[in-house]
C-alpha atoms as a PDB file:
ATOM      1  CA  MET A   1      81.031  74.524 148.863  1.00  0.00           C
ATOM      2  CA  THR A   2      78.570  76.042 151.325  1.00  0.00           C
ATOM      3  CA  GLU A   3      79.576  76.830 154.871  1.00  0.00           C
ATOM      4  CA  LEU A   4      76.971  76.782 157.612  1.00  0.00           C
ATOM      5  CA  THR A   5      78.145  78.436 160.816  1.00  0.00           C
ATOM      6  CA  THR A   6      76.444  78.689 164.170  1.00  0.00           C
ATOM      7  CA  THR A   7      77.347  79.547 167.736  1.00  0.00           C
ATOM      8  CA  THR A   8      75.978  77.581 170.654  1.00  0.00           C
ATOM      9  CA  ALA A   9      74.778  79.111 173.903  1.00  0.00           C
ATOM     10  CA  ASP A  10      78.116  78.110 175.466  1.00  0.00           C
ATOM     11  CA  GLY A  11      80.031  80.180 172.895  1.00  0.00           C
ATOM     12  CA  LEU A  12      81.193  77.221 170.820  1.00  0.00           C
ATOM     13  CA  HIS A  13      81.535  78.044 167.100  1.00  0.00           C
ATOM     14  CA  ILE A  14      80.517  75.230 164.732  1.00  0.00           C
ATOM     15  CA  THR A  15      81.126  75.323 160.981  1.00  0.00           C
ATOM     16  CA  VAL A  16      79.946  72.635 158.570  1.00  0.00           C
ATOM     17  CA  ARG A  17      80.996  72.530 154.915  1.00  0.00           C
ATOM     18  CA  LEU A  18      78.638  70.874 152.432  1.00  0.00           C
ATOM     19  CA  PRO A  19      78.625  70.707 148.642  1.00  0.00           C
ATOM     20  CA  ASP A  20      76.348  73.279 146.955  1.00  0.00           C
ATOM     21  CA  ASP A  21      74.368  70.617 145.124  1.00  0.00           C
ATOM     22  CA  HIS A  22      73.333  68.865 148.350  1.00  0.00           C
ATOM     23  CA  THR A  23      69.508  68.821 148.577  1.00  0.00           C
ATOM     24  CA  TRP A  24      69.429  69.581 152.287  1.00  0.00           C
ATOM     25  CA  VAL A  25      71.603  72.683 151.824  1.00  0.00           C
ATOM     26  CA  ARG A  26      69.438  74.034 149.002  1.00  0.00           C
ATOM     27  CA  GLU A  27      66.183  73.450 150.920  1.00  0.00           C
ATOM     28  CA  SER A  28      67.594  74.961 154.110  1.00  0.00           C
ATOM     29  CA  LEU A  29      68.797  78.066 152.289  1.00  0.00           C
ATOM     30  CA  GLU A  30      65.422  78.465 150.517  1.00  0.00           C
ATOM     31  CA  LYS A  31      63.565  78.187 153.841  1.00  0.00           C
ATOM     32  CA  ALA A  32      65.926  80.639 155.532  1.00  0.00           C
ATOM     33  CA  CYS A  33      65.592  83.138 152.674  1.00  0.00           C
ATOM     34  CA  ALA A  34      61.791  82.834 152.671  1.00  0.00           C
ATOM     35  CA  ALA A  35      61.654  83.330 156.449  1.00  0.00           C
ATOM     36  CA  GLU A  36      63.888  86.406 156.243  1.00  0.00           C
ATOM     37  CA  ALA A  37      61.804  87.856 153.400  1.00  0.00           C
ATOM     38  CA  ARG A  38      58.597  87.339 155.450  1.00  0.00           C
ATOM     39  CA  ARG A  39      60.205  88.993 158.474  1.00  0.00           C
ATOM     40  CA  GLN A  40      61.286  92.011 156.441  1.00  0.00           C
ATOM     41  CA  LEU A  41      57.863  92.388 154.811  1.00  0.00           C
ATOM     42  CA  GLU A  42      56.113  92.181 158.183  1.00  0.00           C
ATOM     43  CA  THR A  43      58.321  94.876 159.713  1.00  0.00           C
ATOM     44  CA  ALA A  44      58.336  97.163 156.671  1.00  0.00           C
ATOM     45  CA  PRO A  45      56.014 100.167 156.819  1.00  0.00           C
ATOM     46  CA  THR A  46      52.828  99.725 154.824  1.00  0.00           C
ATOM     47  CA  PRO A  47      51.917 102.315 152.222  1.00  0.00           C
ATOM     48  CA  ASP A  48      49.106 104.724 153.050  1.00  0.00           C
ATOM     49  CA  PRO A  49      47.507 105.638 149.726  1.00  0.00           C
ATOM     50  CA  ALA A  50      45.745 108.964 149.289  1.00  0.00           C
ATOM     51  CA  TYR A  51      42.497 109.383 147.381  1.00  0.00           C
ATOM     52  CA  SER A  52      40.769 112.354 145.786  1.00  0.00           C
ATOM     53  CA  VAL A  53      37.493 113.561 147.260  1.00  0.00           C
ATOM     54  CA  PRO A  54      35.310 111.954 144.558  1.00  0.00           C
ATOM     55  CA  ARG A  55      37.160 108.633 144.929  1.00  0.00           C
ATOM     56  CA  THR A  56      36.863 108.777 148.735  1.00  0.00           C
ATOM     57  CA  ALA A  57      33.145 109.547 148.444  1.00  0.00           C
ATOM     58  CA  GLU A  58      32.811 106.523 146.172  1.00  0.00           C
ATOM     59  CA  LEU A  59      34.636 104.312 148.707  1.00  0.00           C
ATOM     60  CA  LEU A  60      32.408 105.520 151.560  1.00  0.00           C
ATOM     61  CA  ASP A  61      29.245 105.483 149.434  1.00  0.00           C
ATOM     62  CA  LEU A  62      28.623 109.186 150.066  1.00  0.00           C
ATOM     63  CA  HIS A  63      27.920 112.140 147.816  1.00  0.00           C
ATOM     64  CA  PRO A  64      31.113 114.204 147.277  1.00  0.00           C
ATOM     65  CA  GLU A  65      29.501 117.342 148.748  1.00  0.00           C
ATOM     66  CA  THR A  66      28.469 115.418 151.872  1.00  0.00           C
ATOM     67  CA  LEU A  67      32.068 114.277 152.208  1.00  0.00           C
ATOM     68  CA  ARG A  68      33.297 117.876 151.817  1.00  0.00           C
ATOM     69  CA  ASP A  69      30.859 118.921 154.560  1.00  0.00           C
ATOM     70  CA  TYR A  70      32.547 116.396 156.879  1.00  0.00           C
ATOM     71  CA  MET A  71      35.918 117.860 155.877  1.00  0.00           C
ATOM     72  CA  ARG A  72      34.765 121.413 156.753  1.00  0.00           C
ATOM     73  CA  LEU A  73      33.693 120.594 160.324  1.00  0.00           C
ATOM     74  CA  PRO A  74      35.741 122.152 163.168  1.00  0.00           C
ATOM     75  CA  GLU A  75      39.023 120.427 163.993  1.00  0.00           C
ATOM     76  CA  HIS A  76      37.766 119.025 167.326  1.00  0.00           C
ATOM     77  CA  HIS A  77      34.461 117.680 165.933  1.00  0.00           C
ATOM     78  CA  PRO A  78      34.242 113.857 166.130  1.00  0.00           C
ATOM     79  CA  ARG A  79      32.660 113.594 162.677  1.00  0.00           C
ATOM     80  CA  ARG A  80      35.350 115.648 160.952  1.00  0.00           C
ATOM     81  CA  LEU A  81      37.180 113.836 158.184  1.00  0.00           C
ATOM     82  CA  HIS A  82      40.842 114.830 158.264  1.00  0.00           C
ATOM     83  CA  TYR A  83      42.592 115.279 154.943  1.00  0.00           C
ATOM     84  CA  VAL A  84      45.754 116.525 153.279  1.00  0.00           C
ATOM     85  CA  THR A  85      45.231 119.899 151.673  1.00  0.00           C
ATOM     86  CA  GLY A  86      46.232 120.435 148.077  1.00  0.00           C
ATOM     87  CA  GLU A  87      46.962 123.600 146.144  1.00  0.00           C
ATOM     88  CA  SER A  88      43.219 123.839 145.472  1.00  0.00           C
ATOM     89  CA  SER A  89      40.150 121.918 146.588  1.00  0.00           C
ATOM     90  CA  ARG A  90      40.669 119.599 143.608  1.00  0.00           C
ATOM     91  CA  GLY A  91      44.056 118.652 145.071  1.00  0.00           C
ATOM     92  CA  ASP A  92      42.724 117.680 148.514  1.00  0.00           C
ATOM     93  CA  ARG A  93      43.494 114.051 149.341  1.00  0.00           C
ATOM     94  CA  VAL A  94      42.233 111.714 152.048  1.00  0.00           C
ATOM     95  CA  MET A  95      44.623 109.068 153.340  1.00  0.00           C
ATOM     96  CA  LEU A  96      43.316 105.504 153.681  1.00  0.00           C
ATOM     97  CA  SER A  97      44.303 105.531 157.368  1.00  0.00           C
ATOM     98  CA  GLN A  98      42.123 108.631 157.873  1.00  0.00           C
ATOM     99  CA  ILE A  99      39.198 106.905 156.155  1.00  0.00           C
ATOM    100  CA  HIS A 100      39.560 103.922 158.499  1.00  0.00           C
ATOM    101  CA  ASP A 101      39.875 106.240 161.513  1.00  0.00           C
ATOM    102  CA  TRP A 102      36.758 108.168 160.475  1.00  0.00           C
ATOM    103  CA  GLN A 103      34.803 104.927 160.004  1.00  0.00           C
ATOM    104  CA  ARG A 104      35.922 103.675 163.427  1.00  0.00           C
ATOM    105  CA  ARG A 105      35.035 106.932 165.196  1.00  0.00           C
ATOM    106  CA  ASN A 106      31.629 107.146 163.560  1.00  0.00           C
ATOM    107  CA  ARG A 107      30.831 103.436 163.831  1.00  0.00           C
ATOM    108  CA  THR A 108      29.505 103.279 160.306  1.00  0.00           C
ATOM    109  CA  ASP A 109      27.650 100.176 159.202  1.00  0.00           C
ATOM    110  CA  ALA A 110      29.672  99.997 156.010  1.00  0.00           C
ATOM    111  CA  THR A 111      32.487  97.521 155.748  1.00  0.00           C
ATOM    112  CA  PRO A 112      35.914  99.128 156.233  1.00  0.00           C
ATOM    113  CA  ALA A 113      37.202 100.619 153.013  1.00  0.00           C
ATOM    114  CA  ALA A 114      39.866  98.549 151.344  1.00  0.00           C
ATOM    115  CA  ALA A 115      42.538  99.852 149.043  1.00  0.00           C
ATOM    116  CA  PRO A 116      40.974  99.363 145.626  1.00  0.00           C
ATOM    117  CA  ALA A 117      42.888  98.118 142.634  1.00  0.00           C
ATOM    118  CA  PRO A 118      44.463 100.802 140.460  1.00  0.00           C
ATOM    119  CA  ARG A 119      42.120 102.170 137.844  1.00  0.00           C
ATOM    120  CA  VAL A 120      42.584 101.211 134.235  1.00  0.00           C
ATOM    121  CA  LYS A 121      43.438 104.194 132.070  1.00  0.00           C
ATOM    122  CA  ARG A 122      41.016 104.862 129.263  1.00  0.00           C
ATOM    123  CA  GLY A 123      41.676 106.301 125.863  1.00  0.00           C
ATOM    124  CA  ARG A 124      43.961 105.475 123.025  1.00  0.00           C
ATOM    125  CA  PRO A 125      47.010 103.345 123.737  1.00  0.00           C
ATOM    126  CA  SER A 126      50.308 105.175 123.864  1.00  0.00           C
ATOM    127  CA  PRO A 127      52.480 104.727 120.785  1.00  0.00           C
ATOM    128  CA  PHE A 128      55.490 104.643 123.120  1.00  0.00           C
ATOM    129  CA  ARG A 129      54.372 101.724 125.292  1.00  0.00           C
ATOM    130  CA  PRO A 130      54.350  98.222 123.839  1.00  0.00           C
ATOM    131  CA  SER A 131      51.047  96.366 124.238  1.00  0.00           C
END
């Protein structure tokens, strides 16, 4: 048995009991679950991936040294590309939100960078992972 309960604007509580195999109950529950899942996904924070300097240069169609020059500009400079520092220059990462912000500030003609698909690992397959 499935119980559907609601409260009217006047404060009246209404409960309806229906068998679980009733088509209307199943469809209503599926719609309600789908709507709740959409609501939660829309309000959840979106991930902000970070990219290495060579990968960021590839996304922006720039040479990596040109990109590093933008990263070295003074903090207040409008063309500066903000980044997250690593333990060394090889560990520096640029967040996708910073790439979009840099493109917006500099009004580049390029289309906004999109999060690319994960790269496929090359080399021999691992003996520990099934194919």
